Amino acid sequence: MTPNAPLPDVQKTPDGRNIAIDKVGVRGVKFPIEVLDRENGRQRTIGNFTLTVDLPAEFKGTHMSRFLEALNAVGHEVSTASLPALVHDLTERLHAAKAHVDVTFPFFREKKAPVTGRAGMMEYECGFQCEGNGEFRTTLYTRVPVATLCPCSKEISAYGAHNQRGWITVRLEASEHVWLEEVVDWCEESGSCALFPVLKRPDEKWVTERAYENPRFVEDVIREVALRLDADKRVTAYEIEVENEESIHAHNAYAYLRRGKPPKG
C-alpha cells in the first residue's frame, strides 16, 4: 500500500449470504450522563449503553466507531425526550433504516427511615429504551426492591410468617413525561413494605410489623402495580415482572403481566 493511500473499508464490501441482521452495534458502553431528578432537578450518574442499527443483507458490516461518535455528539442529558435525537443521528450516520438505544443507570434517592428519620441513599436500577426512525418508541424502565410477606405462611402458622426480598420490574410507555420517582413510589407502595438504607431498632420494628400487617403474594404485588399504572392517564402500555427471592424454598416465585391501557367503563 502506497503512503497516504485510502485505507480499505471492509465493512462496506458486499456480502453474498443474503442474511439481514436485526441489530448490530456496540454494547457495554459506559458514559457519564445526567437524568431528570424530581427533587433536585438533575442527577449525574453513569449510563451503560447498547447502541445498534439494522444491517441490510448486502453489507458485510457496520462502522462501530460511528456509534461512539453519535453518543459523544448528542450530549449528556438522557431522558425519554432526548433519546429520539440520538436514535435519529445513528440512522443518519450509519445509513440505517432503524436504530435502537438501550441505557441503564443507577438512580439514587435520599430516603428517611420511617420512625427515626435517619437518612441514607437508596439505589434503584433505571433506564430508557428508544427505537425507530422518524417515528420513535420510547420506554422507561425501573427495577425496585421491596419486602414481601407470604399470606399463606401467616394464615397457617401459629406465629410468624416467612418474608423475603422481592423485585418489581416495570417497563412503560407514556404520552407525557413520567418521573422515575413516581414509578419507584408505585412499586414500593405495592409490596408488603418498602426497603430503607438505614434502619435503627424502632425502624426495624415498624418495618417488621408493617410487612406482617400487609402480606402479599407475587400475584398481589403485580396486580397492585397494575392498578396504579391503569389509573394514570399518561401510561399507554406496560410490562411488569415480580420475582420473590424465596426464603424457605429453593426456587423463586414469579409473575408477569403485559398489556396496554384497559378500556374505560
C-alpha atoms as a PDB file:
ATOM      1  CA  MET A   1       0.000   0.000   0.000  1.00  0.00           C
ATOM      2  CA  THR A   2       1.407   3.373  -1.005  1.00  0.00           C
ATOM      3  CA  PRO A   3       1.788   6.157   1.611  1.00  0.00           C
ATOM      4  CA  ASN A   4      -1.341   8.302   2.079  1.00  0.00           C
ATOM      5  CA  ALA A   5      -3.441   5.893   0.027  1.00  0.00           C
ATOM      6  CA  PRO A   6      -7.041   5.466   1.232  1.00  0.00           C
ATOM      7  CA  LEU A   7      -7.438   2.573   3.665  1.00  0.00           C
ATOM      8  CA  PRO A   8      -9.834  -0.152   2.529  1.00  0.00           C
ATOM      9  CA  ASP A   9     -13.319  -0.048   4.048  1.00  0.00           C
ATOM     10  CA  VAL A  10     -14.028  -3.740   4.623  1.00  0.00           C
ATOM     11  CA  GLN A  11     -17.390  -3.087   6.276  1.00  0.00           C
ATOM     12  CA  LYS A  12     -18.751  -1.628   3.039  1.00  0.00           C
ATOM     13  CA  THR A  13     -17.786  -4.638   0.943  1.00  0.00           C
ATOM     14  CA  PRO A  14     -20.713  -6.738  -0.320  1.00  0.00           C
ATOM     15  CA  ASP A  15     -21.847  -9.914   1.413  1.00  0.00           C
ATOM     16  CA  GLY A  16     -23.288 -12.777  -0.613  1.00  0.00           C
ATOM     17  CA  ARG A  17     -25.047 -14.757   2.116  1.00  0.00           C
ATOM     18  CA  ASN A  18     -28.261 -12.716   1.769  1.00  0.00           C
ATOM     19  CA  ILE A  19     -28.988 -12.506   5.509  1.00  0.00           C
ATOM     20  CA  ALA A  20     -30.061  -9.182   7.005  1.00  0.00           C
ATOM     21  CA  ILE A  21     -29.239  -8.585  10.690  1.00  0.00           C
ATOM     22  CA  ASP A  22     -31.836  -7.069  13.011  1.00  0.00           C
ATOM     23  CA  LYS A  23     -29.405  -5.368  15.398  1.00  0.00           C
ATOM     24  CA  VAL A  24     -25.670  -4.804  15.206  1.00  0.00           C
ATOM     25  CA  GLY A  25     -23.560  -2.300  17.122  1.00  0.00           C
ATOM     26  CA  VAL A  26     -21.851  -1.817  20.471  1.00  0.00           C
ATOM     27  CA  ARG A  27     -22.735  -2.961  23.987  1.00  0.00           C
ATOM     28  CA  GLY A  28     -21.357  -2.171  27.433  1.00  0.00           C
ATOM     29  CA  VAL A  29     -20.514   1.446  26.636  1.00  0.00           C
ATOM     30  CA  LYS A  30     -20.090   3.409  29.888  1.00  0.00           C
ATOM     31  CA  PHE A  31     -20.771   7.127  29.537  1.00  0.00           C
ATOM     32  CA  PRO A  32     -21.398   9.967  32.035  1.00  0.00           C
ATOM     33  CA  ILE A  33     -24.985  11.174  31.844  1.00  0.00           C
ATOM     34  CA  GLU A  34     -27.471  13.476  33.557  1.00  0.00           C
ATOM     35  CA  VAL A  35     -31.038  12.354  34.231  1.00  0.00           C
ATOM     36  CA  LEU A  36     -34.035  14.345  35.421  1.00  0.00           C
ATOM     37  CA  ASP A  37     -34.493  14.298  39.190  1.00  0.00           C
ATOM     38  CA  ARG A  38     -37.834  15.415  40.635  1.00  0.00           C
ATOM     39  CA  GLU A  39     -36.342  16.576  43.949  1.00  0.00           C
ATOM     40  CA  ASN A  40     -33.084  18.108  42.699  1.00  0.00           C
ATOM     41  CA  GLY A  41     -33.653  18.957  39.047  1.00  0.00           C
ATOM     42  CA  ARG A  42     -30.854  16.804  37.648  1.00  0.00           C
ATOM     43  CA  GLN A  43     -28.725  13.901  38.813  1.00  0.00           C
ATOM     44  CA  ARG A  44     -25.347  12.870  37.477  1.00  0.00           C
ATOM     45  CA  THR A  45     -24.784   9.156  37.046  1.00  0.00           C
ATOM     46  CA  ILE A  46     -23.163   6.583  34.717  1.00  0.00           C
ATOM     47  CA  GLY A  47     -25.086   5.135  31.789  1.00  0.00           C
ATOM     48  CA  ASN A  48     -24.455   1.649  30.414  1.00  0.00           C
ATOM     49  CA  PHE A  49     -25.396   1.847  26.719  1.00  0.00           C
ATOM     50  CA  THR A  50     -26.240  -0.593  23.971  1.00  0.00           C
ATOM     51  CA  LEU A  51     -26.350   1.167  20.570  1.00  0.00           C
ATOM     52  CA  THR A  52     -27.453  -0.769  17.476  1.00  0.00           C
ATOM     53  CA  VAL A  53     -28.829  -0.419  13.955  1.00  0.00           C
ATOM     54  CA  ASP A  54     -30.273  -2.840  11.437  1.00  0.00           C
ATOM     55  CA  LEU A  55     -27.887  -4.096   8.745  1.00  0.00           C
ATOM     56  CA  PRO A  56     -29.135  -4.884   5.224  1.00  0.00           C
ATOM     57  CA  ALA A  57     -28.233  -8.246   3.742  1.00  0.00           C
ATOM     58  CA  GLU A  58     -25.943  -6.764   1.109  1.00  0.00           C
ATOM     59  CA  PHE A  59     -23.478  -5.187   3.575  1.00  0.00           C
ATOM     60  CA  LYS A  60     -20.704  -7.109   5.325  1.00  0.00           C
ATOM     61  CA  GLY A  61     -20.566  -4.972   8.475  1.00  0.00           C
ATOM     62  CA  THR A  62     -21.284  -1.694  10.202  1.00  0.00           C
ATOM     63  CA  HIS A  63     -18.952   1.095  11.341  1.00  0.00           C
ATOM     64  CA  MET A  64     -18.552   0.679  15.111  1.00  0.00           C
ATOM     65  CA  SER A  65     -16.745   3.988  15.702  1.00  0.00           C
ATOM     66  CA  ARG A  66     -19.752   5.955  14.472  1.00  0.00           C
ATOM     67  CA  PHE A  67     -21.869   4.754  17.390  1.00  0.00           C
ATOM     68  CA  LEU A  68     -19.445   6.344  19.848  1.00  0.00           C
ATOM     69  CA  GLU A  69     -19.236   9.499  17.752  1.00  0.00           C
ATOM     70  CA  ALA A  70     -23.030   9.829  17.880  1.00  0.00           C
ATOM     71  CA  LEU A  71     -23.122   9.291  21.631  1.00  0.00           C
ATOM     72  CA  ASN A  72     -20.462  11.938  22.205  1.00  0.00           C
ATOM     73  CA  ALA A  73     -22.250  14.399  19.918  1.00  0.00           C
ATOM     74  CA  VAL A  74     -25.698  14.181  21.468  1.00  0.00           C
ATOM     75  CA  GLY A  75     -24.744  15.477  24.932  1.00  0.00           C
ATOM     76  CA  HIS A  76     -25.097  14.120  28.436  1.00  0.00           C
ATOM     77  CA  GLU A  77     -28.814  14.584  29.208  1.00  0.00           C
ATOM     78  CA  VAL A  78     -30.708  11.305  28.887  1.00  0.00           C
ATOM     79  CA  SER A  79     -34.498  11.140  29.035  1.00  0.00           C
ATOM     80  CA  THR A  80     -37.471   9.896  27.046  1.00  0.00           C
ATOM     81  CA  ALA A  81     -37.495  13.335  25.377  1.00  0.00           C
ATOM     82  CA  SER A  82     -33.799  13.441  24.411  1.00  0.00           C
ATOM     83  CA  LEU A  83     -33.208   9.878  23.166  1.00  0.00           C
ATOM     84  CA  PRO A  84     -35.041  10.198  19.809  1.00  0.00           C
ATOM     85  CA  ALA A  85     -32.361  12.692  18.693  1.00  0.00           C
ATOM     86  CA  LEU A  86     -29.650  10.093  19.365  1.00  0.00           C
ATOM     87  CA  VAL A  87     -31.604   7.378  17.559  1.00  0.00           C
ATOM     88  CA  HIS A  88     -32.124   9.659  14.557  1.00  0.00           C
ATOM     89  CA  ASP A  89     -28.424  10.568  14.498  1.00  0.00           C
ATOM     90  CA  LEU A  90     -27.484   6.874  14.441  1.00  0.00           C
ATOM     91  CA  THR A  91     -29.708   6.227  11.424  1.00  0.00           C
ATOM     92  CA  GLU A  92     -28.137   9.177   9.609  1.00  0.00           C
ATOM     93  CA  ARG A  93     -24.509   8.321  10.399  1.00  0.00           C
ATOM     94  CA  LEU A  94     -24.896   4.622   9.618  1.00  0.00           C
ATOM     95  CA  HIS A  95     -27.410   4.929   6.740  1.00  0.00           C
ATOM     96  CA  ALA A  96     -29.740   2.592   8.601  1.00  0.00           C
ATOM     97  CA  ALA A  97     -33.477   2.136   8.328  1.00  0.00           C
ATOM     98  CA  LYS A  98     -33.841   1.787  12.090  1.00  0.00           C
ATOM     99  CA  ALA A  99     -31.722   2.350  15.200  1.00  0.00           C
ATOM    100  CA  HIS A 100     -32.001   1.254  18.833  1.00  0.00           C
ATOM    101  CA  VAL A 101     -30.684   2.755  22.069  1.00  0.00           C
ATOM    102  CA  ASP A 102     -30.828   0.968  25.431  1.00  0.00           C
ATOM    103  CA  VAL A 103     -29.346   2.624  28.523  1.00  0.00           C
ATOM    104  CA  THR A 104     -29.444   1.578  32.184  1.00  0.00           C
ATOM    105  CA  PHE A 105     -28.046   3.504  35.129  1.00  0.00           C
ATOM    106  CA  PRO A 106     -28.062   3.646  38.938  1.00  0.00           C
ATOM    107  CA  PHE A 107     -30.534   6.240  40.201  1.00  0.00           C
ATOM    108  CA  PHE A 108     -30.234   7.469  43.791  1.00  0.00           C
ATOM    109  CA  ARG A 109     -32.768   8.951  46.201  1.00  0.00           C
ATOM    110  CA  GLU A 110     -32.296  10.145  49.736  1.00  0.00           C
ATOM    111  CA  LYS A 111     -34.678   8.117  51.868  1.00  0.00           C
ATOM    112  CA  LYS A 112     -35.507   8.542  55.543  1.00  0.00           C
ATOM    113  CA  ALA A 113     -36.233   5.739  57.986  1.00  0.00           C
ATOM    114  CA  PRO A 114     -39.943   5.514  58.891  1.00  0.00           C
ATOM    115  CA  VAL A 115     -39.624   6.219  62.659  1.00  0.00           C
ATOM    116  CA  THR A 116     -36.273   7.814  63.467  1.00  0.00           C
ATOM    117  CA  GLY A 117     -35.961   9.710  60.211  1.00  0.00           C
ATOM    118  CA  ARG A 118     -32.334   8.615  59.744  1.00  0.00           C
ATOM    119  CA  ALA A 119     -31.432   9.291  56.109  1.00  0.00           C
ATOM    120  CA  GLY A 120     -29.411   7.321  53.608  1.00  0.00           C
ATOM    121  CA  MET A 121     -29.054   6.972  49.848  1.00  0.00           C
ATOM    122  CA  MET A 122     -31.189   4.303  48.179  1.00  0.00           C
ATOM    123  CA  GLU A 123     -30.137   2.961  44.779  1.00  0.00           C
ATOM    124  CA  TYR A 124     -32.545   1.870  42.041  1.00  0.00           C
ATOM    125  CA  GLU A 125     -31.739   0.387  38.642  1.00  0.00           C
ATOM    126  CA  CYS A 126     -33.409   2.521  35.985  1.00  0.00           C
ATOM    127  CA  GLY A 127     -33.161   3.047  32.256  1.00  0.00           C
ATOM    128  CA  PHE A 128     -34.656   4.010  28.924  1.00  0.00           C
ATOM    129  CA  GLN A 129     -35.067   2.321  25.568  1.00  0.00           C
ATOM    130  CA  CYS A 130     -35.731   4.057  22.268  1.00  0.00           C
ATOM    131  CA  GLU A 131     -36.029   2.754  18.717  1.00  0.00           C
ATOM    132  CA  GLY A 132     -37.299   3.889  15.349  1.00  0.00           C
ATOM    133  CA  ASN A 133     -36.639   6.295  12.513  1.00  0.00           C
ATOM    134  CA  GLY A 134     -38.987   9.247  12.103  1.00  0.00           C
ATOM    135  CA  GLU A 135     -41.477   7.663  14.470  1.00  0.00           C
ATOM    136  CA  PHE A 136     -39.936   6.666  17.781  1.00  0.00           C
ATOM    137  CA  ARG A 137     -40.984   4.250  20.504  1.00  0.00           C
ATOM    138  CA  THR A 138     -39.557   5.125  23.928  1.00  0.00           C
ATOM    139  CA  THR A 139     -39.785   3.018  27.076  1.00  0.00           C
ATOM    140  CA  LEU A 140     -38.997   3.855  30.700  1.00  0.00           C
ATOM    141  CA  TYR A 141     -37.530   1.085  32.875  1.00  0.00           C
ATOM    142  CA  THR A 142     -37.223   0.623  36.652  1.00  0.00           C
ATOM    143  CA  ARG A 143     -36.251  -2.303  38.902  1.00  0.00           C
ATOM    144  CA  VAL A 144     -37.287  -1.747  42.514  1.00  0.00           C
ATOM    145  CA  PRO A 145     -36.601  -3.932  45.590  1.00  0.00           C
ATOM    146  CA  VAL A 146     -39.373  -4.423  48.164  1.00  0.00           C
ATOM    147  CA  ALA A 147     -40.126  -6.672  51.129  1.00  0.00           C
ATOM    148  CA  THR A 148     -42.890  -9.267  50.741  1.00  0.00           C
ATOM    149  CA  LEU A 149     -44.518 -11.461  53.376  1.00  0.00           C
ATOM    150  CA  CYS A 150     -46.350 -14.659  52.459  1.00  0.00           C
ATOM    151  CA  PRO A 151     -50.131 -14.556  53.129  1.00  0.00           C
ATOM    152  CA  CYS A 152     -50.313 -18.365  53.253  1.00  0.00           C
ATOM    153  CA  SER A 153     -47.469 -18.628  55.791  1.00  0.00           C
ATOM    154  CA  LYS A 154     -49.155 -16.046  58.001  1.00  0.00           C
ATOM    155  CA  GLU A 155     -52.526 -17.778  57.779  1.00  0.00           C
ATOM    156  CA  ILE A 156     -51.346 -21.306  58.626  1.00  0.00           C
ATOM    157  CA  SER A 157     -48.688 -20.534  61.247  1.00  0.00           C
ATOM    158  CA  ALA A 158     -49.300 -20.164  64.976  1.00  0.00           C
ATOM    159  CA  TYR A 159     -46.774 -17.315  64.986  1.00  0.00           C
ATOM    160  CA  GLY A 160     -44.590 -15.566  62.434  1.00  0.00           C
ATOM    161  CA  ALA A 161     -44.573 -15.767  58.649  1.00  0.00           C
ATOM    162  CA  HIS A 162     -41.772 -16.113  56.127  1.00  0.00           C
ATOM    163  CA  ASN A 163     -40.745 -12.999  54.270  1.00  0.00           C
ATOM    164  CA  GLN A 164     -38.212 -12.165  51.592  1.00  0.00           C
ATOM    165  CA  ARG A 165     -36.935  -9.542  49.202  1.00  0.00           C
ATOM    166  CA  GLY A 166     -38.970  -9.066  46.053  1.00  0.00           C
ATOM    167  CA  TRP A 167     -38.004  -7.322  42.819  1.00  0.00           C
ATOM    168  CA  ILE A 168     -40.523  -5.342  40.783  1.00  0.00           C
ATOM    169  CA  THR A 169     -39.524  -4.542  37.209  1.00  0.00           C
ATOM    170  CA  VAL A 170     -41.634  -2.083  35.204  1.00  0.00           C
ATOM    171  CA  ARG A 171     -41.302  -1.070  31.562  1.00  0.00           C
ATOM    172  CA  LEU A 172     -43.803   1.530  30.439  1.00  0.00           C
ATOM    173  CA  GLU A 173     -44.665   3.796  27.548  1.00  0.00           C
ATOM    174  CA  ALA A 174     -46.338   7.129  28.204  1.00  0.00           C
ATOM    175  CA  SER A 175     -47.905  10.014  26.286  1.00  0.00           C
ATOM    176  CA  GLU A 176     -46.361  12.578  28.668  1.00  0.00           C
ATOM    177  CA  HIS A 177     -43.384  12.789  30.991  1.00  0.00           C
ATOM    178  CA  VAL A 178     -43.397  10.326  33.893  1.00  0.00           C
ATOM    179  CA  TRP A 179     -40.856  10.797  36.694  1.00  0.00           C
ATOM    180  CA  LEU A 180     -38.665   7.867  37.627  1.00  0.00           C
ATOM    181  CA  GLU A 181     -39.541   8.616  41.253  1.00  0.00           C
ATOM    182  CA  GLU A 182     -43.243   8.153  40.508  1.00  0.00           C
ATOM    183  CA  VAL A 183     -42.693   4.633  39.196  1.00  0.00           C
ATOM    184  CA  VAL A 184     -40.451   3.801  42.161  1.00  0.00           C
ATOM    185  CA  ASP A 185     -43.187   5.015  44.530  1.00  0.00           C
ATOM    186  CA  TRP A 186     -45.847   2.928  42.780  1.00  0.00           C
ATOM    187  CA  CYS A 187     -43.684  -0.164  43.136  1.00  0.00           C
ATOM    188  CA  GLU A 188     -42.783   0.422  46.782  1.00  0.00           C
ATOM    189  CA  GLU A 189     -46.449   1.003  47.661  1.00  0.00           C
ATOM    190  CA  SER A 190     -47.318  -2.369  46.097  1.00  0.00           C
ATOM    191  CA  GLY A 191     -45.093  -4.609  48.215  1.00  0.00           C
ATOM    192  CA  SER A 192     -45.622  -5.665  51.805  1.00  0.00           C
ATOM    193  CA  CYS A 193     -43.182  -2.937  52.853  1.00  0.00           C
ATOM    194  CA  ALA A 194     -40.619  -0.659  51.243  1.00  0.00           C
ATOM    195  CA  LEU A 195     -36.898  -1.098  51.888  1.00  0.00           C
ATOM    196  CA  PHE A 196     -34.726   1.538  53.581  1.00  0.00           C
ATOM    197  CA  PRO A 197     -30.963   2.178  53.520  1.00  0.00           C
ATOM    198  CA  VAL A 198     -30.707   2.991  57.260  1.00  0.00           C
ATOM    199  CA  LEU A 199     -32.776   1.321  59.999  1.00  0.00           C
ATOM    200  CA  LYS A 200     -32.429   1.774  63.749  1.00  0.00           C
ATOM    201  CA  ARG A 201     -34.250  -0.581  66.123  1.00  0.00           C
ATOM    202  CA  PRO A 202     -37.529   1.433  66.212  1.00  0.00           C
ATOM    203  CA  ASP A 203     -37.482   1.488  62.408  1.00  0.00           C
ATOM    204  CA  GLU A 204     -36.840  -2.252  62.201  1.00  0.00           C
ATOM    205  CA  LYS A 205     -39.811  -2.889  64.496  1.00  0.00           C
ATOM    206  CA  TRP A 206     -42.007  -0.700  62.268  1.00  0.00           C
ATOM    207  CA  VAL A 207     -40.865  -2.410  59.057  1.00  0.00           C
ATOM    208  CA  THR A 208     -41.352  -5.901  60.504  1.00  0.00           C
ATOM    209  CA  GLU A 209     -44.858  -5.129  61.717  1.00  0.00           C
ATOM    210  CA  ARG A 210     -45.756  -3.248  58.546  1.00  0.00           C
ATOM    211  CA  ALA A 211     -44.881  -6.251  56.393  1.00  0.00           C
ATOM    212  CA  TYR A 212     -46.753  -8.615  58.737  1.00  0.00           C
ATOM    213  CA  GLU A 213     -49.889  -6.476  58.507  1.00  0.00           C
ATOM    214  CA  ASN A 214     -49.643  -6.299  54.716  1.00  0.00           C
ATOM    215  CA  PRO A 215     -48.941  -9.833  53.366  1.00  0.00           C
ATOM    216  CA  ARG A 216     -48.686 -10.195  49.597  1.00  0.00           C
ATOM    217  CA  PHE A 217     -48.058 -12.932  47.042  1.00  0.00           C
ATOM    218  CA  VAL A 218     -46.306 -12.042  43.781  1.00  0.00           C
ATOM    219  CA  GLU A 219     -49.804 -12.127  42.277  1.00  0.00           C
ATOM    220  CA  ASP A 220     -50.936  -9.467  44.749  1.00  0.00           C
ATOM    221  CA  VAL A 221     -47.914  -7.283  44.098  1.00  0.00           C
ATOM    222  CA  ILE A 222     -48.246  -7.348  40.313  1.00  0.00           C
ATOM    223  CA  ARG A 223     -51.958  -6.514  40.485  1.00  0.00           C
ATOM    224  CA  GLU A 224     -51.295  -3.609  42.838  1.00  0.00           C
ATOM    225  CA  VAL A 225     -48.708  -2.167  40.447  1.00  0.00           C
ATOM    226  CA  ALA A 226     -51.084  -2.675  37.512  1.00  0.00           C
ATOM    227  CA  LEU A 227     -53.856  -0.769  39.299  1.00  0.00           C
ATOM    228  CA  ARG A 228     -51.553   2.229  39.759  1.00  0.00           C
ATOM    229  CA  LEU A 229     -50.436   2.159  36.131  1.00  0.00           C
ATOM    230  CA  ASP A 230     -54.010   1.782  34.895  1.00  0.00           C
ATOM    231  CA  ALA A 231     -55.074   4.787  36.963  1.00  0.00           C
ATOM    232  CA  ASP A 232     -52.530   7.124  35.351  1.00  0.00           C
ATOM    233  CA  LYS A 233     -53.770   8.564  32.055  1.00  0.00           C
ATOM    234  CA  ARG A 234     -50.208   9.209  30.834  1.00  0.00           C
ATOM    235  CA  VAL A 235     -49.330   5.496  30.779  1.00  0.00           C
ATOM    236  CA  THR A 236     -50.270   3.909  27.445  1.00  0.00           C
ATOM    237  CA  ALA A 237     -48.684   0.445  27.716  1.00  0.00           C
ATOM    238  CA  TYR A 238     -46.634  -1.502  30.221  1.00  0.00           C
ATOM    239  CA  GLU A 239     -44.892  -4.696  31.254  1.00  0.00           C
ATOM    240  CA  ILE A 240     -44.493  -5.764  34.883  1.00  0.00           C
ATOM    241  CA  GLU A 241     -42.386  -8.562  36.359  1.00  0.00           C
ATOM    242  CA  VAL A 242     -42.352  -9.518  40.033  1.00  0.00           C
ATOM    243  CA  GLU A 243     -39.858 -12.009  41.449  1.00  0.00           C
ATOM    244  CA  ASN A 244     -39.530 -13.054  45.086  1.00  0.00           C
ATOM    245  CA  GLU A 245     -36.229 -14.463  46.312  1.00  0.00           C
ATOM    246  CA  GLU A 246     -37.998 -17.057  48.436  1.00  0.00           C
ATOM    247  CA  SER A 247     -36.579 -17.556  51.926  1.00  0.00           C
ATOM    248  CA  ILE A 248     -37.930 -21.087  52.575  1.00  0.00           C
ATOM    249  CA  HIS A 249     -37.905 -22.521  49.037  1.00  0.00           C
ATOM    250  CA  ALA A 250     -35.083 -23.467  46.686  1.00  0.00           C
ATOM    251  CA  HIS A 251     -36.864 -21.593  43.886  1.00  0.00           C
ATOM    252  CA  ASN A 252     -38.201 -18.089  43.343  1.00  0.00           C
ATOM    253  CA  ALA A 253     -41.827 -17.050  42.895  1.00  0.00           C
ATOM    254  CA  TYR A 254     -42.525 -15.136  39.665  1.00  0.00           C
ATOM    255  CA  ALA A 255     -45.344 -13.225  37.943  1.00  0.00           C
ATOM    256  CA  TYR A 256     -45.540 -11.331  34.639  1.00  0.00           C
ATOM    257  CA  LEU A 257     -48.148  -9.014  33.115  1.00  0.00           C
ATOM    258  CA  ARG A 258     -48.134  -7.141  29.822  1.00  0.00           C
ATOM    259  CA  ARG A 259     -50.862  -5.005  28.320  1.00  0.00           C
ATOM    260  CA  GLY A 260     -51.881  -1.609  27.018  1.00  0.00           C
ATOM    261  CA  LYS A 261     -54.238   0.679  28.823  1.00  0.00           C
ATOM    262  CA  PRO A 262     -57.545  -1.114  29.520  1.00  0.00           C
ATOM    263  CA  PRO A 263     -60.670   0.498  28.062  1.00  0.00           C
ATOM    264  CA  LYS A 264     -62.749   2.710  30.350  1.00  0.00           C
ATOM    265  CA  GLY A 265     -66.091   1.536  31.578  1.00  0.00           C
END
